[in-house]
């Protein structure tokens, strides 16, 4: 868990409240390519020696990041930092190779300026991410006679938005907006600043009491990472709820009653608000994807839709089931931007599991990919069900489709789904090349190969790496590039060097 702070920078235009967002550079690891609030992680310069607690440090962090990213100096900071020093000071903060000792000179003024900040709420990254942030969101009014000045680098641009207009543009697929920002923009819509603070406090209390985050990386799609007995490094499986008028629940994963209750709270609220719960969709049969299937189907009297291979492996006796084949669609009603005829299409993608399905929506091309890929690690290909050549063909199949946001079962969603698929295809090719390189030294047994081919894999995942290694060897055997003699594997004479 990392401590960070974000600034909700506002200004008034008559009766209208506007908020300033920055577009983060696409290559950034955290929300790269998304519009977000200015902010960042607490630095040593934000802490005073012997100071207990993080509250003051987070506020100092917020003011420092505001100056770094926008050049703005609220309150006492504007008078304390001479105009002639500001450019050099900002450059020193933005230069990662330079210490921030010059900024430390102004800590007394920073502390005086902290009175300009209003606490909005605190949001913690849901547990689908490998690095989580506990972030207080702090509001500050645009200082008089100052204008934001975003420098190119980690940021692409910045501008003020009307919250309602930006939400409409988001629903039209025109902007990528970070999920916590979307959450807060929704609380700003149609209210003044006091109403926003009231809405945000209530939201923070609900999250603290277990309500699911509105983790939305694409319009009309919400991700709920629920605790499941899954493989490391994952601890959760993403249940995905897709649709606005008509909602389909993909992979209600958890076996834990408390986690199921969190899911039920959201689904109950949506149903009571008039949203139609249409059915359960399963990507495949693995136990960490199906844990709450019966509980959800029975509670809401829903059909379960899945590939026939999935039904052969999951006990759904007594439930209403509907077979789902390649190319079949399910009706989502009207999209968030008003587009009619919105649908979800199933694509067969075996290789990790028989009957594995990927779902892609027709309006935003959001791909719900189950275990086709993970954004935490590579997927285990476990023979005999797991088949490497088939799996690679499935990756390529989805890459050849026009997808945008990719939502995996394990890990955080990614804005450019094709990049994720290319990465995993490249990793598989690199691993195969490494395997061939090791075999060029001479025949070897499976465990000997494991130690050399997966020498970069942590010990905890070695048993799963062993299964994927076997799948890779079987692929080469099918291609007549290796042969097995008892317990030893060797390159054939015709294997490429």
Protein backbone atom coordinates (compact mmCIF):
# COMPACT_ATOMS: atom_id res chain seq x y z
CA UNK A 1 0.00 0.00 0.00
CA UNK A 2 1.40 3.38 -1.03
CA UNK A 3 0.34 6.74 0.37
CA UNK A 4 -0.50 9.38 -2.21
CA UNK A 5 -2.56 12.55 -2.46
CA UNK A 6 -4.70 14.08 -5.21
CA UNK A 7 -5.93 17.65 -5.72
CA UNK A 8 -9.48 18.42 -6.81
CA UNK A 9 -8.73 21.85 -8.28
CA UNK A 10 -11.98 23.76 -8.85
CA UNK A 11 -13.12 27.08 -10.21
CA UNK A 12 -16.53 28.71 -10.57
CA UNK A 13 -18.02 29.93 -13.81
CA UNK A 14 -21.20 31.66 -12.74
CA UNK A 15 -23.38 28.98 -11.17
CA UNK A 16 -21.29 26.24 -12.73
CA UNK A 17 -18.48 24.37 -10.97
CA UNK A 18 -15.54 23.26 -13.11
CA UNK A 19 -12.70 20.90 -12.19
CA UNK A 20 -9.14 20.68 -13.54
CA UNK A 21 -7.79 17.39 -14.87
CA UNK A 22 -4.46 16.41 -16.40
CA UNK A 23 -3.90 13.85 -19.14
CA UNK A 24 -1.18 11.43 -18.06
CA UNK A 25 1.39 10.27 -20.59
CA UNK A 26 0.48 6.88 -22.14
CA UNK A 27 3.75 5.23 -21.08
CA UNK A 28 3.19 5.82 -17.36
CA UNK A 29 2.60 2.61 -15.41
CA UNK A 30 -0.11 4.09 -13.17
CA UNK A 31 -3.14 5.29 -15.16
CA UNK A 32 -1.06 5.97 -18.26
CA UNK A 33 -3.18 7.68 -20.92
CA UNK A 34 -5.98 8.55 -18.49
CA UNK A 35 -7.30 11.92 -17.39
CA UNK A 36 -6.84 12.30 -13.64
CA UNK A 37 -6.50 14.85 -10.86
CA UNK A 38 -3.05 16.33 -10.21
CA UNK A 39 -1.27 14.39 -7.48
CA UNK A 40 1.34 11.86 -6.60
CA UNK A 41 3.10 9.78 -3.97
CA UNK A 42 4.44 11.15 -0.68
CA UNK A 43 8.15 12.02 -0.86
CA UNK A 44 10.68 12.39 1.93
CA UNK A 45 10.62 16.16 1.46
CA UNK A 46 6.95 16.07 2.52
CA UNK A 47 7.77 14.67 5.97
CA UNK A 48 9.21 16.53 8.93
CA UNK A 49 11.73 14.78 11.21
CA UNK A 50 9.99 13.00 14.07
CA UNK A 51 6.52 13.74 12.72
CA UNK A 52 3.94 11.08 13.51
CA UNK A 53 1.13 10.15 11.17
CA UNK A 54 0.73 10.89 7.47
CA UNK A 55 -1.93 13.60 7.50
CA UNK A 56 0.37 16.63 7.29
CA UNK A 57 2.78 14.88 4.89
CA UNK A 58 -0.09 14.05 2.52
CA UNK A 59 -1.24 17.67 2.49
CA UNK A 60 2.31 18.86 1.80
CA UNK A 61 2.53 16.23 -0.95
CA UNK A 62 -0.67 17.55 -2.52
CA UNK A 63 0.62 21.14 -2.61
CA UNK A 64 4.02 20.08 -3.96
CA UNK A 65 2.44 17.96 -6.70
CA UNK A 66 0.08 20.79 -7.59
CA UNK A 67 3.06 23.09 -8.15
CA UNK A 68 5.02 20.40 -10.04
CA UNK A 69 2.16 19.56 -12.38
CA UNK A 70 0.41 22.93 -12.82
CA UNK A 71 2.71 25.65 -11.47
CA UNK A 72 -0.03 26.85 -9.11
CA UNK A 73 0.77 28.23 -5.66
CA UNK A 74 -2.22 28.56 -3.33
CA UNK A 75 -2.33 30.86 -0.31
CA UNK A 76 0.93 31.64 1.49
CA UNK A 77 2.98 29.83 -1.17
CA UNK A 78 2.24 32.44 -3.81
CA UNK A 79 3.80 35.19 -1.69
CA UNK A 80 6.64 33.05 -0.30
CA UNK A 81 8.19 31.83 -3.55
CA UNK A 82 9.68 34.64 -5.63
CA UNK A 83 8.65 34.72 -9.27
CA UNK A 84 12.29 34.60 -10.38
CA UNK A 85 12.84 31.26 -8.59
CA UNK A 86 9.72 29.41 -9.66
CA UNK A 87 10.88 27.94 -12.97
CA UNK A 88 14.14 26.56 -11.55
CA UNK A 89 12.34 25.26 -8.45
CA UNK A 90 9.74 23.48 -10.54
CA UNK A 91 12.42 21.99 -12.77
CA UNK A 92 14.27 20.65 -9.72
CA UNK A 93 11.09 18.95 -8.48
CA UNK A 94 10.34 17.40 -11.87
CA UNK A 95 13.92 16.16 -12.33
CA UNK A 96 14.05 12.72 -10.71
CA UNK A 97 17.84 12.90 -10.55
CA UNK A 98 17.78 16.06 -8.41
CA UNK A 99 16.99 16.20 -4.72
CA UNK A 100 14.18 18.47 -3.56
CA UNK A 101 16.19 20.36 -0.95
CA UNK A 102 15.28 23.72 -2.49
CA UNK A 103 11.60 22.96 -1.93
CA UNK A 104 12.31 22.15 1.72
CA UNK A 105 13.22 25.82 2.20
CA UNK A 106 9.55 26.68 1.73
CA UNK A 107 8.03 24.09 4.08
CA UNK A 108 6.82 26.79 6.53
CA UNK A 109 4.90 28.44 3.68
CA UNK A 110 3.63 25.02 2.56
CA UNK A 111 2.29 24.42 6.07
CA UNK A 112 0.60 27.82 6.07
CA UNK A 113 -1.00 27.01 2.69
CA UNK A 114 -2.40 23.74 4.00
CA UNK A 115 -5.30 25.74 5.43
CA UNK A 116 -6.47 26.27 1.82
CA UNK A 117 -7.16 22.53 1.44
CA UNK A 118 -10.50 20.87 2.14
CA UNK A 119 -10.62 17.11 2.68
CA UNK A 120 -13.06 15.49 0.25
CA UNK A 121 -12.73 11.76 0.91
CA UNK A 122 -10.18 8.94 0.92
CA UNK A 123 -10.25 6.14 -1.66
CA UNK A 124 -8.15 2.97 -1.63
CA UNK A 125 -7.36 1.11 -4.85
CA UNK A 126 -9.45 -2.09 -5.04
CA UNK A 127 -7.44 -5.32 -4.60
CA UNK A 128 -7.12 -6.11 -8.31
CA UNK A 129 -3.92 -4.05 -8.58
CA UNK A 130 -0.43 -5.28 -7.61
CA UNK A 131 0.34 -1.84 -6.12
CA UNK A 132 -2.49 -0.16 -4.24
CA UNK A 133 -2.80 3.48 -3.26
CA UNK A 134 -4.58 4.91 -0.24
CA UNK A 135 -5.35 8.40 -1.48
CA UNK A 136 -6.98 11.36 0.25
CA UNK A 137 -8.63 13.67 -2.27
CA UNK A 138 -8.21 17.30 -1.24
CA UNK A 139 -10.05 20.25 -2.78
CA UNK A 140 -8.52 23.65 -3.44
CA UNK A 141 -9.95 26.64 -5.29
CA UNK A 142 -8.01 28.03 -8.26
CA UNK A 143 -5.87 30.82 -6.79
CA UNK A 144 -6.85 34.31 -7.95
CA UNK A 145 -5.05 35.60 -11.04
CA UNK A 146 -3.25 32.27 -11.56
CA UNK A 147 -3.74 29.81 -14.41
CA UNK A 148 -2.52 26.19 -14.61
CA UNK A 149 0.52 25.64 -16.82
CA UNK A 150 1.14 21.96 -17.57
CA UNK A 151 4.62 21.11 -18.84
CA UNK A 152 5.06 18.21 -21.23
CA UNK A 153 6.68 15.08 -19.84
CA UNK A 154 4.76 12.82 -17.50
CA UNK A 155 1.70 14.87 -18.45
CA UNK A 156 0.37 15.59 -21.94
CA UNK A 157 -2.02 18.44 -21.19
CA UNK A 158 -4.47 19.82 -18.66
CA UNK A 159 -7.78 21.66 -18.77
CA UNK A 160 -10.89 22.56 -16.81
CA UNK A 161 -14.02 20.48 -17.40
CA UNK A 162 -17.67 20.80 -16.58
CA UNK A 163 -18.31 17.50 -14.72
CA UNK A 164 -21.58 16.71 -16.51
CA UNK A 165 -20.08 17.44 -19.93
CA UNK A 166 -17.05 15.25 -19.24
CA UNK A 167 -19.23 12.38 -18.04
CA UNK A 168 -21.25 12.63 -21.25
CA UNK A 169 -18.03 12.61 -23.30
CA UNK A 170 -16.82 9.58 -21.31
CA UNK A 171 -20.05 7.74 -22.07
CA UNK A 172 -19.50 8.53 -25.75
CA UNK A 173 -16.06 6.90 -25.54
CA UNK A 174 -14.25 10.19 -26.19
CA UNK A 175 -12.10 10.33 -23.04
CA UNK A 176 -10.30 7.81 -20.85
CA UNK A 177 -10.93 8.95 -17.27
CA UNK A 178 -9.42 7.26 -14.20
CA UNK A 179 -12.09 5.34 -12.23
CA UNK A 180 -11.81 7.28 -8.93
CA UNK A 181 -12.08 10.52 -10.88
CA UNK A 182 -15.24 9.25 -12.58
CA UNK A 183 -16.62 8.34 -9.17
CA UNK A 184 -16.05 11.85 -7.84
CA UNK A 185 -17.24 13.59 -11.01
CA UNK A 186 -20.55 11.80 -10.60
CA UNK A 187 -20.85 13.23 -7.09
CA UNK A 188 -20.26 16.77 -8.45
CA UNK A 189 -22.96 16.59 -11.08
CA UNK A 190 -25.80 19.02 -10.42
CA UNK A 191 -24.62 20.21 -6.97
CA UNK A 192 -22.57 23.06 -5.53
CA UNK A 193 -19.30 22.59 -3.67
CA UNK A 194 -21.04 22.00 -0.33
CA UNK A 195 -23.22 19.34 -1.95
CA UNK A 196 -20.16 17.70 -3.45
CA UNK A 197 -18.47 17.51 -0.03
CA UNK A 198 -21.61 15.99 1.48
CA UNK A 199 -21.90 13.41 -1.32
CA UNK A 200 -18.22 12.50 -1.05
CA UNK A 201 -18.34 12.03 2.72
CA UNK A 202 -21.33 9.71 2.37
CA UNK A 203 -19.57 7.78 -0.37
CA UNK A 204 -16.44 7.37 1.75
CA UNK A 205 -18.52 5.98 4.61
CA UNK A 206 -20.22 3.47 2.31
CA UNK A 207 -16.88 2.27 0.93
CA UNK A 208 -15.53 1.93 4.47
CA UNK A 209 -18.55 -0.24 5.28
CA UNK A 210 -17.83 -2.61 2.38
CA UNK A 211 -19.71 -1.19 -0.59
CA UNK A 212 -18.10 -2.15 -3.89
CA UNK A 213 -16.04 0.53 -5.60
CA UNK A 214 -17.40 1.88 -8.85
CA UNK A 215 -14.34 0.59 -10.69
CA UNK A 216 -15.29 1.51 -14.26
CA UNK A 217 -12.62 1.45 -16.97
CA UNK A 218 -15.15 1.48 -19.82
CA UNK A 219 -18.70 2.90 -20.01
CA UNK A 220 -21.38 0.54 -18.78
CA UNK A 221 -18.91 -1.91 -17.28
CA UNK A 222 -18.03 -2.23 -13.58
CA UNK A 223 -15.35 -4.49 -12.10
CA UNK A 224 -15.73 -6.07 -8.65
CA UNK A 225 -12.55 -7.87 -7.49
CA UNK A 226 -13.81 -10.52 -5.06
CA UNK A 227 -11.67 -12.74 -2.83
CA UNK A 228 -11.30 -16.23 -4.27
CA UNK A 229 -9.09 -19.33 -3.81
CA UNK A 230 -7.06 -18.51 -6.91
CA UNK A 231 -3.42 -18.92 -7.95
CA UNK A 232 -0.67 -16.55 -6.82
CA UNK A 233 0.08 -13.73 -7.20
CA UNK A 234 -3.67 -13.06 -7.53
CA UNK A 235 -5.91 -13.04 -4.45
CA UNK A 236 -9.12 -11.99 -6.19
CA UNK A 237 -11.12 -12.72 -9.32
CA UNK A 238 -12.85 -9.91 -11.18
CA UNK A 239 -16.61 -10.26 -11.35
CA UNK A 240 -17.68 -7.97 -14.19
CA UNK A 241 -21.10 -6.37 -14.42
CA UNK A 242 -21.82 -5.14 -17.92
CA UNK A 243 -24.85 -3.17 -19.09
CA UNK A 244 -26.89 -0.15 -17.98
CA UNK A 245 -30.55 -0.97 -18.64
CA UNK A 246 -29.85 -4.69 -18.91
CA UNK A 247 -27.08 -6.05 -16.69
CA UNK A 248 -25.21 -9.32 -17.18
CA UNK A 249 -23.02 -10.66 -14.37
CA UNK A 250 -19.81 -12.25 -15.69
CA UNK A 251 -17.95 -14.73 -13.44
CA UNK A 252 -19.54 -14.24 -9.98
CA UNK A 253 -16.43 -15.76 -8.52
CA UNK A 254 -16.37 -15.77 -4.77
CA UNK A 255 -17.26 -18.57 -2.34
CA UNK A 256 -17.07 -16.28 0.71
CA UNK A 257 -20.44 -15.29 2.10
CA UNK A 258 -19.23 -11.83 3.15
CA UNK A 259 -17.93 -11.14 -0.35
CA UNK A 260 -21.17 -12.41 -1.87
CA UNK A 261 -23.09 -10.00 0.37
CA UNK A 262 -21.04 -7.09 -1.00
CA UNK A 263 -21.98 -8.16 -4.52
CA UNK A 264 -25.63 -8.59 -3.55
CA UNK A 265 -25.76 -5.08 -2.05
CA UNK A 266 -24.82 -3.54 -5.39
CA UNK A 267 -27.08 -5.82 -7.43
CA UNK A 268 -30.03 -5.24 -5.05
CA UNK A 269 -29.57 -1.48 -5.33
CA UNK A 270 -29.42 -1.63 -9.12
CA UNK A 271 -32.49 -3.86 -9.32
CA UNK A 272 -34.44 -1.59 -6.99
CA UNK A 273 -33.47 1.39 -9.18
CA UNK A 274 -35.07 -0.32 -12.19
CA UNK A 275 -32.10 -1.96 -13.85
CA UNK A 276 -32.90 -5.41 -15.25
CA UNK A 277 -30.63 -8.24 -14.12
CA UNK A 278 -30.57 -10.51 -17.18
CA UNK A 279 -28.38 -13.48 -16.36
CA UNK A 280 -25.03 -14.94 -15.36
CA UNK A 281 -22.26 -15.43 -17.94
CA UNK A 282 -19.30 -17.74 -17.28
CA UNK A 283 -15.99 -17.44 -19.12
CA UNK A 284 -15.04 -21.01 -18.10
CA UNK A 285 -15.39 -23.63 -15.41
CA UNK A 286 -12.36 -23.08 -13.14
CA UNK A 287 -13.35 -22.92 -9.49
CA UNK A 288 -12.12 -19.36 -8.91
CA UNK A 289 -14.63 -18.08 -11.49
CA UNK A 290 -17.85 -19.83 -10.48
CA UNK A 291 -18.05 -19.66 -6.67
CA UNK A 292 -21.15 -17.47 -6.39
CA UNK A 293 -22.89 -18.68 -9.55
CA UNK A 294 -25.57 -20.64 -7.73
CA UNK A 295 -26.06 -17.95 -5.07
CA UNK A 296 -26.53 -15.19 -7.67
CA UNK A 297 -28.74 -17.27 -9.99
CA UNK A 298 -31.02 -18.39 -7.18
CA UNK A 299 -31.27 -15.00 -5.44
CA UNK A 300 -32.28 -13.17 -8.63
CA UNK A 301 -33.93 -16.07 -10.50
CA UNK A 302 -31.43 -15.85 -13.37
CA UNK A 303 -30.35 -18.19 -16.13
CA UNK A 304 -26.69 -19.20 -16.37
CA UNK A 305 -25.18 -18.87 -19.85
CA UNK A 306 -21.92 -20.69 -20.66
CA UNK A 307 -20.20 -22.96 -23.15
CA UNK A 308 -21.39 -26.61 -23.06
CA UNK A 309 -17.88 -27.68 -21.97
CA UNK A 310 -18.32 -25.49 -18.89
CA UNK A 311 -21.65 -27.07 -18.01
CA UNK A 312 -20.03 -30.50 -18.13
CA UNK A 313 -17.60 -29.47 -15.39
CA UNK A 314 -19.65 -27.32 -13.01
CA UNK A 315 -22.49 -28.63 -10.85
CA UNK A 316 -25.43 -26.36 -11.66
CA UNK A 317 -28.17 -28.92 -11.05
CA UNK A 318 -31.53 -27.26 -10.53
CA UNK A 319 -30.55 -23.99 -12.23
CA UNK A 320 -31.78 -22.84 -15.61
CA UNK A 321 -28.87 -23.06 -18.07
CA UNK A 322 -28.42 -21.83 -21.65
CA UNK A 323 -25.59 -22.99 -23.92
CA UNK A 324 -23.48 -20.22 -25.39
CA UNK A 325 -21.52 -20.80 -28.58
CA UNK A 326 -19.00 -18.85 -30.62
CA UNK A 327 -20.46 -15.72 -32.21
CA UNK A 328 -23.68 -15.68 -30.19
CA UNK A 329 -24.78 -12.38 -28.71
CA UNK A 330 -26.65 -11.19 -25.64
CA UNK A 331 -28.74 -8.02 -25.59
CA UNK A 332 -27.44 -5.13 -23.45
CA UNK A 333 -30.25 -2.72 -24.36
CA UNK A 334 -29.21 0.91 -24.76
CA UNK A 335 -25.59 1.96 -24.24
CA UNK A 336 -24.72 4.75 -21.76
CA UNK A 337 -24.46 7.28 -24.61
CA UNK A 338 -27.91 6.38 -25.95
CA UNK A 339 -26.76 4.01 -28.70
CA UNK A 340 -29.41 1.35 -29.28
CA UNK A 341 -28.82 -2.27 -30.25
CA UNK A 342 -25.94 -2.66 -27.80
CA UNK A 343 -24.84 -6.30 -27.58
CA UNK A 344 -22.24 -8.59 -26.04
CA UNK A 345 -20.67 -11.25 -28.30
CA UNK A 346 -19.06 -14.50 -27.14
CA UNK A 347 -15.83 -15.75 -28.74
CA UNK A 348 -14.46 -19.24 -28.12
CA UNK A 349 -10.87 -19.00 -26.91
CA UNK A 350 -9.69 -22.43 -25.68
CA UNK A 351 -6.14 -23.29 -24.72
CA UNK A 352 -6.19 -22.41 -21.02
CA UNK A 353 -9.52 -24.19 -20.50
CA UNK A 354 -11.91 -26.10 -22.72
CA UNK A 355 -14.93 -23.97 -23.52
CA UNK A 356 -13.24 -20.72 -22.50
CA UNK A 357 -15.12 -17.63 -23.74
CA UNK A 358 -14.19 -13.98 -24.22
CA UNK A 359 -16.98 -11.38 -24.32
CA UNK A 360 -16.71 -8.17 -26.41
CA UNK A 361 -19.34 -5.42 -26.41
CA UNK A 362 -20.45 -3.87 -29.69
CA UNK A 363 -20.36 -0.16 -28.75
CA UNK A 364 -17.08 0.35 -26.87
CA UNK A 365 -15.22 -2.85 -27.89
CA UNK A 366 -14.48 -3.65 -24.27
CA UNK A 367 -13.10 -7.20 -23.99
CA UNK A 368 -13.91 -9.24 -20.87
CA UNK A 369 -11.25 -11.90 -21.30
CA UNK A 370 -11.46 -14.17 -18.24
CA UNK A 371 -8.22 -16.16 -18.05
CA UNK A 372 -7.09 -15.52 -21.60
CA UNK A 373 -4.54 -13.14 -20.06
CA UNK A 374 -3.76 -11.70 -16.65
CA UNK A 375 -2.23 -8.30 -15.96
CA UNK A 376 -0.52 -9.72 -12.85
CA UNK A 377 1.37 -12.62 -14.41
CA UNK A 378 1.28 -15.07 -17.30
CA UNK A 379 -1.54 -17.61 -17.48
CA UNK A 380 -0.88 -21.23 -16.53
CA UNK A 381 -1.31 -23.67 -19.41
CA UNK A 382 -1.84 -27.00 -17.66
CA UNK A 383 -1.96 -30.16 -19.82
CA UNK A 384 -3.92 -32.14 -20.73
CA UNK A 385 -6.69 -29.52 -20.76
CA UNK A 386 -4.22 -26.73 -21.31
CA UNK A 387 -2.80 -26.72 -24.85
CA UNK A 388 -0.13 -24.19 -25.76
CA UNK A 389 -0.63 -23.97 -29.53
CA UNK A 390 -4.37 -23.60 -29.10
CA UNK A 391 -3.86 -20.95 -26.43
CA UNK A 392 -1.52 -18.91 -28.64
CA UNK A 393 -4.05 -19.13 -31.49
CA UNK A 394 -6.73 -17.80 -29.10
CA UNK A 395 -4.51 -14.84 -28.14
CA UNK A 396 -3.99 -14.06 -31.80
CA UNK A 397 -7.70 -14.39 -32.54
CA UNK A 398 -8.67 -11.71 -30.02
CA UNK A 399 -5.74 -9.52 -31.09
CA UNK A 400 -7.10 -9.59 -34.64
CA UNK A 401 -10.40 -8.15 -33.42
CA UNK A 402 -10.93 -4.44 -32.81
CA UNK A 403 -10.74 -4.32 -29.02
CA UNK A 404 -10.06 -1.37 -26.75
CA UNK A 405 -10.21 -1.75 -22.96
CA UNK A 406 -9.24 -5.24 -21.81
CA UNK A 407 -10.64 -6.57 -18.52
CA UNK A 408 -8.88 -9.69 -17.22
CA UNK A 409 -10.13 -11.96 -14.46
CA UNK A 410 -6.98 -11.25 -12.46
CA UNK A 411 -5.37 -7.82 -12.35
CA UNK A 412 -6.37 -4.33 -13.32
CA UNK A 413 -8.06 -3.45 -16.62
CA UNK A 414 -5.87 -2.00 -19.38
CA UNK A 415 -6.83 0.89 -21.64
CA UNK A 416 -5.14 -0.51 -24.77
CA UNK A 417 -6.07 -4.19 -24.84
CA UNK A 418 -4.13 -4.98 -28.00
CA UNK A 419 -0.89 -3.99 -26.25
CA UNK A 420 -1.59 -6.54 -23.50
CA UNK A 421 -2.20 -9.30 -26.02
CA UNK A 422 0.95 -8.46 -27.98
CA UNK A 423 2.93 -8.48 -24.74
CA UNK A 424 1.74 -11.98 -23.85
CA UNK A 425 2.35 -13.31 -27.35
CA UNK A 426 5.86 -11.88 -27.18
CA UNK A 427 6.47 -13.38 -23.72
CA UNK A 428 5.38 -16.83 -24.94
CA UNK A 429 7.67 -16.55 -27.96
CA UNK A 430 10.59 -15.45 -25.77
CA UNK A 431 10.00 -18.33 -23.36
CA UNK A 432 9.90 -20.80 -26.23
CA UNK A 433 13.13 -19.39 -27.65
CA UNK A 434 14.75 -19.72 -24.21
CA UNK A 435 13.59 -23.33 -23.99
CA UNK A 436 15.04 -24.14 -27.40
CA UNK A 437 18.28 -22.43 -26.41
CA UNK A 438 18.58 -24.61 -23.31
CA UNK A 439 17.85 -27.77 -25.29
CA UNK A 440 20.62 -26.86 -27.74
CA UNK A 441 23.02 -27.69 -24.90
CA UNK A 442 21.74 -31.26 -24.87
CA UNK A 443 18.83 -33.45 -23.72
CA UNK A 444 17.38 -32.75 -20.28
CA UNK A 445 14.60 -33.83 -17.94
CA UNK A 446 11.64 -31.59 -17.17
CA UNK A 447 12.90 -30.40 -13.79
CA UNK A 448 16.34 -29.66 -15.19
CA UNK A 449 14.72 -27.54 -17.87
CA UNK A 450 12.48 -25.82 -15.32
CA UNK A 451 15.48 -24.57 -13.34
CA UNK A 452 16.98 -22.99 -16.45
CA UNK A 453 13.97 -21.88 -18.50
CA UNK A 454 11.98 -20.44 -15.58
CA UNK A 455 14.92 -19.26 -13.49
CA UNK A 456 13.22 -15.85 -13.26
CA UNK A 457 10.00 -17.22 -11.75
CA UNK A 458 9.47 -16.88 -7.96
CA UNK A 459 9.55 -20.12 -6.00
CA UNK A 460 5.85 -19.87 -5.13
CA UNK A 461 4.85 -20.18 -8.80
CA UNK A 462 7.38 -22.85 -9.80
CA UNK A 463 4.80 -25.70 -9.67
CA UNK A 464 2.60 -23.79 -12.14
CA UNK A 465 5.58 -22.85 -14.29
CA UNK A 466 6.39 -26.57 -14.51
CA UNK A 467 2.97 -27.25 -16.05
CA UNK A 468 3.37 -24.44 -18.60
CA UNK A 469 6.84 -25.72 -19.44
CA UNK A 470 5.37 -29.14 -20.16
CA UNK A 471 2.76 -27.50 -22.40
CA UNK A 472 5.55 -25.68 -24.25
CA UNK A 473 7.47 -28.92 -24.77
CA UNK A 474 4.35 -30.66 -26.07
CA UNK A 475 3.83 -27.82 -28.57
CA UNK A 476 7.38 -28.28 -29.88
CA UNK A 477 6.81 -32.04 -29.99
CA UNK A 478 3.66 -31.56 -32.07
CA UNK A 479 5.71 -29.43 -34.44
CA UNK A 480 8.37 -32.19 -34.65
CA UNK A 481 10.96 -29.83 -33.16
CA UNK A 482 11.61 -31.93 -30.04
CA UNK A 483 11.19 -35.55 -29.08
CA UNK A 484 10.80 -37.30 -25.75
CA UNK A 485 12.86 -40.33 -24.82
CA UNK A 486 11.61 -41.69 -21.49
CA UNK A 487 11.98 -38.72 -19.10
CA UNK A 488 14.34 -36.70 -21.28
CA UNK A 489 13.55 -34.12 -23.93
CA UNK A 490 15.79 -33.35 -26.87
CA UNK A 491 15.81 -31.28 -30.04
CA UNK A 492 15.20 -33.19 -33.25
CA UNK A 493 17.69 -32.94 -36.08
CA UNK A 494 15.35 -30.66 -37.93
CA UNK A 495 14.78 -28.22 -35.06
CA UNK A 496 15.70 -24.63 -35.91
CA UNK A 497 18.75 -23.27 -34.13
